[in-house]
């Protein structure tokens, strides 16, 4: 039979073994790379937060307008790189590809903005 001192030492040894096993498991687990936060990520999260605060129709219209602005900017850059003055950025509009938005275009003055 074990003395109280031996029982205590056995319990401590068992606890140390469990702790060592836990630490080995934690150290062998893959570590996710640190997430880099830049100004574009912050802006994207801001836009997402604002969109979430809108009603569904406002959200659809705002998302569509954001997509149109991005397409316009990309087409302007492409035309500048190609050096084609004969083509206008208007030919890169979604309508020129046979797609038209289901809702009419809304100007920014018509949108109701949600204040924080």
Protein backbone atom coordinates (compact mmCIF):
# COMPACT_ATOMS: atom_id res chain seq x y z
CA UNK A 1 0.00 0.00 0.00
CA UNK A 2 1.21 3.51 -0.88
CA UNK A 3 1.84 6.09 1.75
CA UNK A 4 0.12 9.48 1.52
CA UNK A 5 3.40 10.98 0.31
CA UNK A 6 3.67 8.37 -2.46
CA UNK A 7 0.02 8.93 -3.45
CA UNK A 8 0.61 12.67 -3.67
CA UNK A 9 3.75 12.14 -5.79
CA UNK A 10 1.83 9.75 -8.07
CA UNK A 11 -0.95 12.32 -8.52
CA UNK A 12 1.59 15.05 -9.30
CA UNK A 13 3.37 12.77 -11.79
CA UNK A 14 0.04 11.95 -13.47
CA UNK A 15 -0.79 15.65 -13.68
CA UNK A 16 2.63 16.40 -15.19
CA UNK A 17 2.16 13.65 -17.79
CA UNK A 18 -1.26 15.01 -18.76
CA UNK A 19 0.12 18.55 -19.00
CA UNK A 20 3.06 17.41 -21.15
CA UNK A 21 0.72 15.48 -23.48
CA UNK A 22 -1.55 18.50 -23.80
CA UNK A 23 1.41 20.79 -24.57
CA UNK A 24 2.77 18.36 -27.19
CA UNK A 25 -0.61 18.20 -28.87
CA UNK A 26 -0.94 22.00 -28.85
CA UNK A 27 2.56 22.51 -30.23
CA UNK A 28 2.08 19.99 -33.05
CA UNK A 29 -1.17 21.57 -34.24
CA UNK A 30 -0.82 23.72 -37.36
CA UNK A 31 -0.64 27.41 -36.64
CA UNK A 32 -2.76 29.71 -38.76
CA UNK A 33 -0.74 32.49 -40.38
CA UNK A 34 -1.31 35.86 -38.80
CA UNK A 35 -4.01 37.89 -40.49
CA UNK A 36 -2.63 41.08 -41.95
CA UNK A 37 -4.94 44.02 -41.54
CA UNK A 38 -4.54 46.73 -44.13
CA UNK A 39 -6.60 49.73 -45.11
CA UNK A 40 -8.48 47.80 -47.82
CA UNK A 41 -9.50 45.08 -45.37
CA UNK A 42 -10.74 47.69 -42.93
CA UNK A 43 -12.66 49.49 -45.69
CA UNK A 44 -14.18 46.19 -46.85
CA UNK A 45 -15.38 45.42 -43.34
CA UNK A 46 -16.82 48.92 -43.08
CA UNK A 47 -18.74 48.46 -46.35
CA UNK A 48 -20.01 45.05 -45.20
CA UNK A 49 -21.19 46.51 -41.89
CA UNK A 50 -23.03 49.31 -43.65
CA UNK A 51 -24.66 46.87 -46.08
CA UNK A 52 -25.84 44.68 -43.21
CA UNK A 53 -27.65 47.66 -41.68
CA UNK A 54 -29.70 48.27 -44.85
CA UNK A 55 -33.01 46.78 -45.82
CA UNK A 56 -32.79 44.08 -48.54
CA UNK A 57 -33.74 46.40 -51.42
CA UNK A 58 -31.24 49.09 -50.39
CA UNK A 59 -28.58 46.41 -49.99
CA UNK A 60 -29.17 44.98 -53.51
CA UNK A 61 -29.11 48.42 -55.10
CA UNK A 62 -26.00 49.51 -53.21
CA UNK A 63 -24.15 46.28 -54.03
CA UNK A 64 -25.06 46.70 -57.69
CA UNK A 65 -23.80 50.30 -57.73
CA UNK A 66 -20.53 49.28 -56.02
CA UNK A 67 -20.06 46.55 -58.65
CA UNK A 68 -20.75 49.07 -61.43
CA UNK A 69 -18.19 51.50 -60.04
CA UNK A 70 -15.58 48.73 -59.88
CA UNK A 71 -16.33 47.65 -63.47
CA UNK A 72 -16.09 51.26 -64.66
CA UNK A 73 -12.75 51.75 -62.92
CA UNK A 74 -11.36 48.48 -64.27
CA UNK A 75 -12.48 49.26 -67.80
CA UNK A 76 -10.90 52.74 -67.66
CA UNK A 77 -7.60 51.20 -66.59
CA UNK A 78 -7.84 48.58 -69.34
CA UNK A 79 -8.53 51.22 -71.98
CA UNK A 80 -5.62 53.32 -70.76
CA UNK A 81 -3.30 50.32 -70.90
CA UNK A 82 -4.48 49.39 -74.38
CA UNK A 83 -4.23 52.98 -75.52
CA UNK A 84 -7.45 52.69 -77.47
CA UNK A 85 -9.12 56.03 -77.84
CA UNK A 86 -11.71 54.65 -80.25
CA UNK A 87 -13.46 52.61 -77.55
CA UNK A 88 -15.23 54.17 -74.63
CA UNK A 89 -15.63 52.68 -71.14
CA UNK A 90 -19.38 52.57 -71.85
CA UNK A 91 -18.89 49.40 -73.94
CA UNK A 92 -17.82 47.59 -70.77
CA UNK A 93 -21.17 48.22 -69.09
CA UNK A 94 -23.15 45.09 -68.12
CA UNK A 95 -25.89 46.00 -70.62
CA UNK A 96 -23.40 45.65 -73.50
CA UNK A 97 -23.03 41.97 -72.59
CA UNK A 98 -26.79 41.34 -72.62
CA UNK A 99 -27.20 41.64 -68.86
CA UNK A 100 -29.33 44.28 -67.27
CA UNK A 101 -30.02 44.82 -63.59
CA UNK A 102 -33.46 43.77 -62.40
CA UNK A 103 -33.90 47.08 -60.63
CA UNK A 104 -33.50 50.53 -62.23
CA UNK A 105 -30.32 52.40 -61.40
CA UNK A 106 -30.65 54.56 -58.32
CA UNK A 107 -28.57 57.65 -57.77
CA UNK A 108 -26.76 58.09 -54.48
CA UNK A 109 -29.09 60.94 -53.58
CA UNK A 110 -32.03 58.52 -53.72
CA UNK A 111 -30.48 56.03 -51.31
CA UNK A 112 -31.27 56.33 -47.65
CA UNK A 113 -28.08 56.06 -45.65
CA UNK A 114 -28.11 54.54 -42.21
CA UNK A 115 -26.25 56.55 -39.60
CA UNK A 116 -24.27 54.73 -36.92
